[in-house]
Amino acid sequence: MTSTFHRTMNHEELEIVAWGFLRSEFTSEIYCDWPIDRRVDAYLLHYGPAQLLNDGSAYNALLDRIMANIGPALRKGVLPSPEG
């Protein structure tokens, strides 16, 4: 029997996944032509937690955390500068 237990990720867990994505190869130039949601989908399929792909509100919260952390990631040198 399949479990129907559903647990929403808390803020700290979403923050960890968001920073994992920002540090991943899916933010590199190789994937620059992919829309952000496709990159996040690929990241979740490869590194998890893949269950976020089926939880619309948690997925949107993850996208919000990723977008909110782009500036800090640029300042910390996690992401390459758009100027080159």
PDB file of N, CA and C in Angstrom:
ATOM      1  N   MET A   1       0.838  -1.172   0.000  1.00  0.00           N
ATOM      2  CA  MET A   1       0.000   0.000   0.000  1.00  0.00           C
ATOM      3  C   MET A   1       0.893   1.248   0.000  1.00  0.00           C
ATOM      4  N   THR A   2       0.551   2.214  -0.787  1.00  0.00           N
ATOM      5  CA  THR A   2       1.294   3.460  -0.881  1.00  0.00           C
ATOM      6  C   THR A   2       0.915   4.404   0.252  1.00  0.00           C
ATOM      7  N   SER A   3       1.930   5.010   0.845  1.00  0.00           N
ATOM      8  CA  SER A   3       1.685   5.950   1.930  1.00  0.00           C
ATOM      9  C   SER A   3       1.092   7.241   1.382  1.00  0.00           C
ATOM     10  N   THR A   4       0.162   7.805   2.125  1.00  0.00           N
ATOM     11  CA  THR A   4      -0.420   9.094   1.731  1.00  0.00           C
ATOM     12  C   THR A   4       0.149  10.225   2.572  1.00  0.00           C
ATOM     13  N   PHE A   5       1.183   9.915   3.383  1.00  0.00           N
ATOM     14  CA  PHE A   5       1.794  10.938   4.223  1.00  0.00           C
ATOM     15  C   PHE A   5       2.434  11.997   3.342  1.00  0.00           C
ATOM     16  N   HIS A   6       2.141  13.253   3.641  1.00  0.00           N
ATOM     17  CA  HIS A   6       2.681  14.374   2.882  1.00  0.00           C
ATOM     18  C   HIS A   6       3.226  15.397   3.870  1.00  0.00           C
ATOM     19  N   ARG A   7       4.492  15.705   3.740  1.00  0.00           N
ATOM     20  CA  ARG A   7       5.110  16.660   4.640  1.00  0.00           C
ATOM     21  C   ARG A   7       5.679  17.795   3.809  1.00  0.00           C
ATOM     22  N   THR A   8       5.300  19.010   4.140  1.00  0.00           N
ATOM     23  CA  THR A   8       5.829  20.180   3.464  1.00  0.00           C
ATOM     24  C   THR A   8       7.185  20.518   4.059  1.00  0.00           C
ATOM     25  N   MET A   9       8.111  20.902   3.210  1.00  0.00           N
ATOM     26  CA  MET A   9       9.449  21.257   3.674  1.00  0.00           C
ATOM     27  C   MET A   9       9.396  22.595   4.394  1.00  0.00           C
ATOM     28  N   ASN A  10      10.198  22.718   5.443  1.00  0.00           N
ATOM     29  CA  ASN A  10      10.241  23.980   6.159  1.00  0.00           C
ATOM     30  C   ASN A  10      11.205  24.949   5.459  1.00  0.00           C
ATOM     31  N   HIS A  11      11.247  26.171   5.955  1.00  0.00           N
ATOM     32  CA  HIS A  11      12.053  27.232   5.336  1.00  0.00           C
ATOM     33  C   HIS A  11      13.524  26.846   5.242  1.00  0.00           C
ATOM     34  N   GLU A  12      14.080  26.288   6.303  1.00  0.00           N
ATOM     35  CA  GLU A  12      15.493  25.926   6.315  1.00  0.00           C
ATOM     36  C   GLU A  12      15.808  24.836   5.298  1.00  0.00           C
ATOM     37  N   GLU A  13      14.913  23.865   5.165  1.00  0.00           N
ATOM     38  CA  GLU A  13      15.106  22.792   4.184  1.00  0.00           C
ATOM     39  C   GLU A  13      15.052  23.339   2.763  1.00  0.00           C
ATOM     40  N   LEU A  14      14.101  24.238   2.503  1.00  0.00           N
ATOM     41  CA  LEU A  14      14.010  24.845   1.176  1.00  0.00           C
ATOM     42  C   LEU A  14      15.256  25.683   0.882  1.00  0.00           C
ATOM     43  N   GLU A  15      15.765  26.361   1.891  1.00  0.00           N
ATOM     44  CA  GLU A  15      16.968  27.175   1.744  1.00  0.00           C
ATOM     45  C   GLU A  15      18.168  26.295   1.363  1.00  0.00           C
ATOM     46  N   ILE A  16      18.288  25.145   1.991  1.00  0.00           N
ATOM     47  CA  ILE A  16      19.382  24.213   1.685  1.00  0.00           C
ATOM     48  C   ILE A  16      19.275  23.722   0.246  1.00  0.00           C
ATOM     49  N   VAL A  17      18.082  23.356  -0.185  1.00  0.00           N
ATOM     50  CA  VAL A  17      17.885  22.881  -1.561  1.00  0.00           C
ATOM     51  C   VAL A  17      18.167  24.022  -2.547  1.00  0.00           C
ATOM     52  N   ALA A  18      17.715  25.229  -2.230  1.00  0.00           N
ATOM     53  CA  ALA A  18      17.939  26.374  -3.109  1.00  0.00           C
ATOM     54  C   ALA A  18      19.434  26.628  -3.295  1.00  0.00           C
ATOM     55  N   TRP A  19      20.202  26.629  -2.195  1.00  0.00           N
ATOM     56  CA  TRP A  19      21.646  26.848  -2.295  1.00  0.00           C
ATOM     57  C   TRP A  19      22.330  25.680  -2.991  1.00  0.00           C
ATOM     58  N   GLY A  20      21.821  24.477  -2.819  1.00  0.00           N
ATOM     59  CA  GLY A  20      22.355  23.332  -3.559  1.00  0.00           C
ATOM     60  C   GLY A  20      22.190  23.537  -5.047  1.00  0.00           C
ATOM     61  N   PHE A  21      21.015  24.004  -5.439  1.00  0.00           N
ATOM     62  CA  PHE A  21      20.786  24.302  -6.853  1.00  0.00           C
ATOM     63  C   PHE A  21      21.727  25.396  -7.337  1.00  0.00           C
ATOM     64  N   LEU A  22      21.851  26.468  -6.575  1.00  0.00           N
ATOM     65  CA  LEU A  22      22.694  27.589  -7.002  1.00  0.00           C
ATOM     66  C   LEU A  22      24.161  27.193  -7.136  1.00  0.00           C
ATOM     67  N   ARG A  23      24.588  26.177  -6.410  1.00  0.00           N
ATOM     68  CA  ARG A  23      25.968  25.689  -6.487  1.00  0.00           C
ATOM     69  C   ARG A  23      26.139  24.581  -7.529  1.00  0.00           C
ATOM     70  N   SER A  24      25.070  24.192  -8.175  1.00  0.00           N
ATOM     71  CA  SER A  24      25.114  23.047  -9.094  1.00  0.00           C
ATOM     72  C   SER A  24      25.523  23.464 -10.502  1.00  0.00           C
ATOM     73  N   GLU A  25      25.781  22.448 -11.302  1.00  0.00           N
ATOM     74  CA  GLU A  25      26.117  22.674 -12.708  1.00  0.00           C
ATOM     75  C   GLU A  25      24.949  23.265 -13.494  1.00  0.00           C
ATOM     76  N   PHE A  26      23.733  23.181 -12.938  1.00  0.00           N
ATOM     77  CA  PHE A  26      22.560  23.678 -13.659  1.00  0.00           C
ATOM     78  C   PHE A  26      22.489  25.213 -13.682  1.00  0.00           C
ATOM     79  N   THR A  27      23.404  25.880 -13.008  1.00  0.00           N
ATOM     80  CA  THR A  27      23.489  27.338 -13.094  1.00  0.00           C
ATOM     81  C   THR A  27      24.653  27.771 -13.986  1.00  0.00           C
ATOM     82  N   SER A  28      25.318  26.808 -14.600  1.00  0.00           N
ATOM     83  CA  SER A  28      26.474  27.128 -15.444  1.00  0.00           C
ATOM     84  C   SER A  28      26.038  27.545 -16.848  1.00  0.00           C
ATOM     85  N   GLU A  29      26.995  28.008 -17.599  1.00  0.00           N
ATOM     86  CA  GLU A  29      26.748  28.495 -18.948  1.00  0.00           C
ATOM     87  C   GLU A  29      26.183  27.416 -19.870  1.00  0.00           C
ATOM     88  N   ILE A  30      26.494  26.177 -19.581  1.00  0.00           N
ATOM     89  CA  ILE A  30      26.013  25.064 -20.413  1.00  0.00           C
ATOM     90  C   ILE A  30      24.489  25.063 -20.496  1.00  0.00           C
ATOM     91  N   TYR A  31      23.856  25.443 -19.409  1.00  0.00           N
ATOM     92  CA  TYR A  31      22.391  25.411 -19.327  1.00  0.00           C
ATOM     93  C   TYR A  31      21.755  26.795 -19.474  1.00  0.00           C
ATOM     94  N   CYS A  32      22.496  27.767 -19.960  1.00  0.00           N
ATOM     95  CA  CYS A  32      21.987  29.143 -20.001  1.00  0.00           C
ATOM     96  C   CYS A  32      20.759  29.313 -20.896  1.00  0.00           C
ATOM     97  N   ASP A  33      20.556  28.425 -21.848  1.00  0.00           N
ATOM     98  CA  ASP A  33      19.388  28.528 -22.727  1.00  0.00           C
ATOM     99  C   ASP A  33      18.144  27.862 -22.140  1.00  0.00           C
ATOM    100  N   TRP A  34      18.290  27.172 -21.020  1.00  0.00           N
ATOM    101  CA  TRP A  34      17.165  26.508 -20.390  1.00  0.00           C
ATOM    102  C   TRP A  34      16.429  27.491 -19.491  1.00  0.00           C
ATOM    103  N   PRO A  35      15.106  27.471 -19.477  1.00  0.00           N
ATOM    104  CA  PRO A  35      14.376  28.306 -18.506  1.00  0.00           C
ATOM    105  C   PRO A  35      14.648  27.801 -17.087  1.00  0.00           C
ATOM    106  N   ILE A  36      14.502  28.688 -16.119  1.00  0.00           N
ATOM    107  CA  ILE A  36      14.834  28.368 -14.733  1.00  0.00           C
ATOM    108  C   ILE A  36      14.066  27.158 -14.221  1.00  0.00           C
ATOM    109  N   ASP A  37      12.792  27.018 -14.568  1.00  0.00           N
ATOM    110  CA  ASP A  37      12.020  25.883 -14.060  1.00  0.00           C
ATOM    111  C   ASP A  37      12.538  24.559 -14.614  1.00  0.00           C
ATOM    112  N   ARG A  38      12.996  24.549 -15.855  1.00  0.00           N
ATOM    113  CA  ARG A  38      13.557  23.319 -16.425  1.00  0.00           C
ATOM    114  C   ARG A  38      14.867  22.964 -15.723  1.00  0.00           C
ATOM    115  N   ARG A  39      15.670  23.968 -15.399  1.00  0.00           N
ATOM    116  CA  ARG A  39      16.920  23.722 -14.669  1.00  0.00           C
ATOM    117  C   ARG A  39      16.628  23.157 -13.273  1.00  0.00           C
ATOM    118  N   VAL A  40      15.658  23.755 -12.597  1.00  0.00           N
ATOM    119  CA  VAL A  40      15.296  23.279 -11.258  1.00  0.00           C
ATOM    120  C   VAL A  40      14.761  21.854 -11.335  1.00  0.00           C
ATOM    121  N   ASP A  41      13.917  21.575 -12.327  1.00  0.00           N
ATOM    122  CA  ASP A  41      13.398  20.217 -12.502  1.00  0.00           C
ATOM    123  C   ASP A  41      14.541  19.216 -12.669  1.00  0.00           C
ATOM    124  N   ALA A  42      15.505  19.537 -13.520  1.00  0.00           N
ATOM    125  CA  ALA A  42      16.651  18.644 -13.757  1.00  0.00           C
ATOM    126  C   ALA A  42      17.455  18.455 -12.475  1.00  0.00           C
ATOM    127  N   TYR A  43      17.674  19.547 -11.742  1.00  0.00           N
ATOM    128  CA  TYR A  43      18.407  19.454 -10.476  1.00  0.00           C
ATOM    129  C   TYR A  43      17.683  18.519  -9.504  1.00  0.00           C
ATOM    130  N   LEU A  44      16.386  18.706  -9.363  1.00  0.00           N
ATOM    131  CA  LEU A  44      15.622  17.878  -8.428  1.00  0.00           C
ATOM    132  C   LEU A  44      15.608  16.414  -8.852  1.00  0.00           C
ATOM    133  N   LEU A  45      15.541  16.160 -10.145  1.00  0.00           N
ATOM    134  CA  LEU A  45      15.574  14.775 -10.620  1.00  0.00           C
ATOM    135  C   LEU A  45      16.928  14.122 -10.351  1.00  0.00           C
ATOM    136  N   HIS A  46      17.995  14.898 -10.460  1.00  0.00           N
ATOM    137  CA  HIS A  46      19.339  14.347 -10.253  1.00  0.00           C
ATOM    138  C   HIS A  46      19.737  14.266  -8.783  1.00  0.00           C
ATOM    139  N   TYR A  47      19.406  15.285  -8.014  1.00  0.00           N
ATOM    140  CA  TYR A  47      19.911  15.393  -6.647  1.00  0.00           C
ATOM    141  C   TYR A  47      18.828  15.386  -5.573  1.00  0.00           C
ATOM    142  N   GLY A  48      17.585  15.583  -5.980  1.00  0.00           N
ATOM    143  CA  GLY A  48      16.486  15.535  -5.033  1.00  0.00           C
ATOM    144  C   GLY A  48      16.342  16.790  -4.206  1.00  0.00           C
ATOM    145  N   PRO A  49      15.333  16.852  -3.426  1.00  0.00           N
ATOM    146  CA  PRO A  49      14.258  15.873  -3.257  1.00  0.00           C
ATOM    147  C   PRO A  49      13.245  15.950  -4.397  1.00  0.00           C
ATOM    148  N   ALA A  50      13.143  14.878  -5.157  1.00  0.00           N
ATOM    149  CA  ALA A  50      12.281  14.850  -6.347  1.00  0.00           C
ATOM    150  C   ALA A  50      10.805  15.022  -6.004  1.00  0.00           C
ATOM    151  N   GLN A  51      10.412  14.742  -4.757  1.00  0.00           N
ATOM    152  CA  GLN A  51       8.990  14.889  -4.408  1.00  0.00           C
ATOM    153  C   GLN A  51       8.523  16.337  -4.531  1.00  0.00           C
ATOM    154  N   LEU A  52       9.456  17.295  -4.559  1.00  0.00           N
ATOM    155  CA  LEU A  52       9.063  18.696  -4.755  1.00  0.00           C
ATOM    156  C   LEU A  52       8.435  18.916  -6.134  1.00  0.00           C
ATOM    157  N   LEU A  53       8.764  18.058  -7.093  1.00  0.00           N
ATOM    158  CA  LEU A  53       8.191  18.188  -8.433  1.00  0.00           C
ATOM    159  C   LEU A  53       6.684  17.951  -8.432  1.00  0.00           C
ATOM    160  N   ASN A  54       6.188  17.263  -7.408  1.00  0.00           N
ATOM    161  CA  ASN A  54       4.758  16.946  -7.326  1.00  0.00           C
ATOM    162  C   ASN A  54       4.020  17.770  -6.287  1.00  0.00           C
ATOM    163  N   ASP A  55       4.690  18.733  -5.699  1.00  0.00           N
ATOM    164  CA  ASP A  55       4.084  19.578  -4.669  1.00  0.00           C
ATOM    165  C   ASP A  55       4.192  21.026  -5.128  1.00  0.00           C
ATOM    166  N   GLY A  56       3.144  21.506  -5.767  1.00  0.00           N
ATOM    167  CA  GLY A  56       3.164  22.827  -6.384  1.00  0.00           C
ATOM    168  C   GLY A  56       3.518  23.960  -5.448  1.00  0.00           C
ATOM    169  N   SER A  57       2.981  23.959  -4.246  1.00  0.00           N
ATOM    170  CA  SER A  57       3.271  25.062  -3.336  1.00  0.00           C
ATOM    171  C   SER A  57       4.709  25.005  -2.830  1.00  0.00           C
ATOM    172  N   ALA A  58       5.216  23.815  -2.546  1.00  0.00           N
ATOM    173  CA  ALA A  58       6.615  23.689  -2.112  1.00  0.00           C
ATOM    174  C   ALA A  58       7.560  24.031  -3.267  1.00  0.00           C
ATOM    175  N   TYR A  59       7.209  23.621  -4.474  1.00  0.00           N
ATOM    176  CA  TYR A  59       8.024  23.929  -5.651  1.00  0.00           C
ATOM    177  C   TYR A  59       8.092  25.446  -5.860  1.00  0.00           C
ATOM    178  N   ASN A  60       6.952  26.115  -5.743  1.00  0.00           N
ATOM    179  CA  ASN A  60       6.936  27.573  -5.890  1.00  0.00           C
ATOM    180  C   ASN A  60       7.729  28.251  -4.779  1.00  0.00           C
ATOM    181  N   ALA A  61       7.640  27.714  -3.582  1.00  0.00           N
ATOM    182  CA  ALA A  61       8.428  28.259  -2.469  1.00  0.00           C
ATOM    183  C   ALA A  61       9.917  28.069  -2.741  1.00  0.00           C
ATOM    184  N   LEU A  62      10.294  26.937  -3.326  1.00  0.00           N
ATOM    185  CA  LEU A  62      11.693  26.705  -3.691  1.00  0.00           C
ATOM    186  C   LEU A  62      12.146  27.709  -4.746  1.00  0.00           C
ATOM    187  N   LEU A  63      11.342  27.923  -5.767  1.00  0.00           N
ATOM    188  CA  LEU A  63      11.685  28.924  -6.786  1.00  0.00           C
ATOM    189  C   LEU A  63      11.850  30.305  -6.165  1.00  0.00           C
ATOM    190  N   ASP A  64      10.984  30.642  -5.227  1.00  0.00           N
ATOM    191  CA  ASP A  64      11.108  31.928  -4.525  1.00  0.00           C
ATOM    192  C   ASP A  64      12.433  32.015  -3.777  1.00  0.00           C
ATOM    193  N   ARG A  65      12.835  30.930  -3.102  1.00  0.00           N
ATOM    194  CA  ARG A  65      14.093  30.927  -2.355  1.00  0.00           C
ATOM    195  C   ARG A  65      15.287  31.021  -3.308  1.00  0.00           C
ATOM    196  N   ILE A  66      15.200  30.352  -4.449  1.00  0.00           N
ATOM    197  CA  ILE A  66      16.282  30.430  -5.442  1.00  0.00           C
ATOM    198  C   ILE A  66      16.415  31.863  -5.942  1.00  0.00           C
ATOM    199  N   MET A  67      15.304  32.469  -6.325  1.00  0.00           N
ATOM    200  CA  MET A  67      15.348  33.836  -6.856  1.00  0.00           C
ATOM    201  C   MET A  67      15.831  34.822  -5.797  1.00  0.00           C
ATOM    202  N   ALA A  68      15.407  34.639  -4.557  1.00  0.00           N
ATOM    203  CA  ALA A  68      15.823  35.535  -3.479  1.00  0.00           C
ATOM    204  C   ALA A  68      17.316  35.416  -3.186  1.00  0.00           C
ATOM    205  N   ASN A  69      17.903  34.273  -3.493  1.00  0.00           N
ATOM    206  CA  ASN A  69      19.310  34.047  -3.182  1.00  0.00           C
ATOM    207  C   ASN A  69      20.259  34.272  -4.354  1.00  0.00           C
ATOM    208  N   ILE A  70      19.753  34.676  -5.497  1.00  0.00           N
ATOM    209  CA  ILE A  70      20.638  34.929  -6.636  1.00  0.00           C
ATOM    210  C   ILE A  70      21.609  36.065  -6.324  1.00  0.00           C
ATOM    211  N   GLY A  71      21.112  37.163  -5.780  1.00  0.00           N
ATOM    212  CA  GLY A  71      21.986  38.287  -5.430  1.00  0.00           C
ATOM    213  C   GLY A  71      23.064  37.891  -4.441  1.00  0.00           C
ATOM    214  N   PRO A  72      22.698  37.275  -3.301  1.00  0.00           N
ATOM    215  CA  PRO A  72      23.726  36.827  -2.363  1.00  0.00           C
ATOM    216  C   PRO A  72      24.710  35.826  -2.988  1.00  0.00           C
ATOM    217  N   ALA A  73      24.217  34.950  -3.858  1.00  0.00           N
ATOM    218  CA  ALA A  73      25.106  33.979  -4.509  1.00  0.00           C
ATOM    219  C   ALA A  73      26.105  34.680  -5.434  1.00  0.00           C
ATOM    220  N   LEU A  74      25.661  35.727  -6.120  1.00  0.00           N
ATOM    221  CA  LEU A  74      26.572  36.505  -6.961  1.00  0.00           C
ATOM    222  C   LEU A  74      27.627  37.201  -6.103  1.00  0.00           C
ATOM    223  N   ARG A  75      27.194  37.804  -5.007  1.00  0.00           N
ATOM    224  CA  ARG A  75      28.124  38.512  -4.126  1.00  0.00           C
ATOM    225  C   ARG A  75      29.138  37.584  -3.472  1.00  0.00           C
ATOM    226  N   LYS A  76      28.720  36.355  -3.180  1.00  0.00           N
ATOM    227  CA  LYS A  76      29.621  35.383  -2.552  1.00  0.00           C
ATOM    228  C   LYS A  76      30.503  34.664  -3.565  1.00  0.00           C
ATOM    229  N   GLY A  77      30.268  34.888  -4.853  1.00  0.00           N
ATOM    230  CA  GLY A  77      31.054  34.219  -5.881  1.00  0.00           C
ATOM    231  C   GLY A  77      30.597  32.821  -6.210  1.00  0.00           C
ATOM    232  N   VAL A  78      29.421  32.440  -5.716  1.00  0.00           N
ATOM    233  CA  VAL A  78      28.869  31.115  -6.024  1.00  0.00           C
ATOM    234  C   VAL A  78      28.448  31.058  -7.487  1.00  0.00           C
ATOM    235  N   LEU A  79      27.873  32.140  -7.973  1.00  0.00           N
ATOM    236  CA  LEU A  79      27.461  32.251  -9.372  1.00  0.00           C
ATOM    237  C   LEU A  79      28.440  33.168 -10.102  1.00  0.00           C
ATOM    238  N   PRO A  80      28.700  32.858 -11.370  1.00  0.00           N
ATOM    239  CA  PRO A  80      29.570  33.753 -12.132  1.00  0.00           C
ATOM    240  C   PRO A  80      28.884  35.089 -12.390  1.00  0.00           C
ATOM    241  N   SER A  81      29.654  36.138 -12.422  1.00  0.00           N
ATOM    242  CA  SER A  81      29.125  37.470 -12.684  1.00  0.00           C
ATOM    243  C   SER A  81      28.612  37.542 -14.116  1.00  0.00           C
ATOM    244  N   PRO A  82      27.457  38.174 -14.344  1.00  0.00           N
ATOM    245  CA  PRO A  82      26.932  38.301 -15.705  1.00  0.00           C
ATOM    246  C   PRO A  82      27.834  39.131 -16.620  1.00  0.00           C
ATOM    247  N   GLU A  83      28.690  39.957 -16.035  1.00  0.00           N
ATOM    248  CA  GLU A  83      29.591  40.772 -16.849  1.00  0.00           C
ATOM    249  C   GLU A  83      30.743  39.965 -17.393  1.00  0.00           C
ATOM    250  N   GLY A  84      30.910  38.754 -16.927  1.00  0.00           N
ATOM    251  CA  GLY A  84      31.938  37.921 -17.511  1.00  0.00           C
ATOM    252  C   GLY A  84      32.927  37.460 -16.551  1.00  0.00           C
TER     253      GLY A  84
END
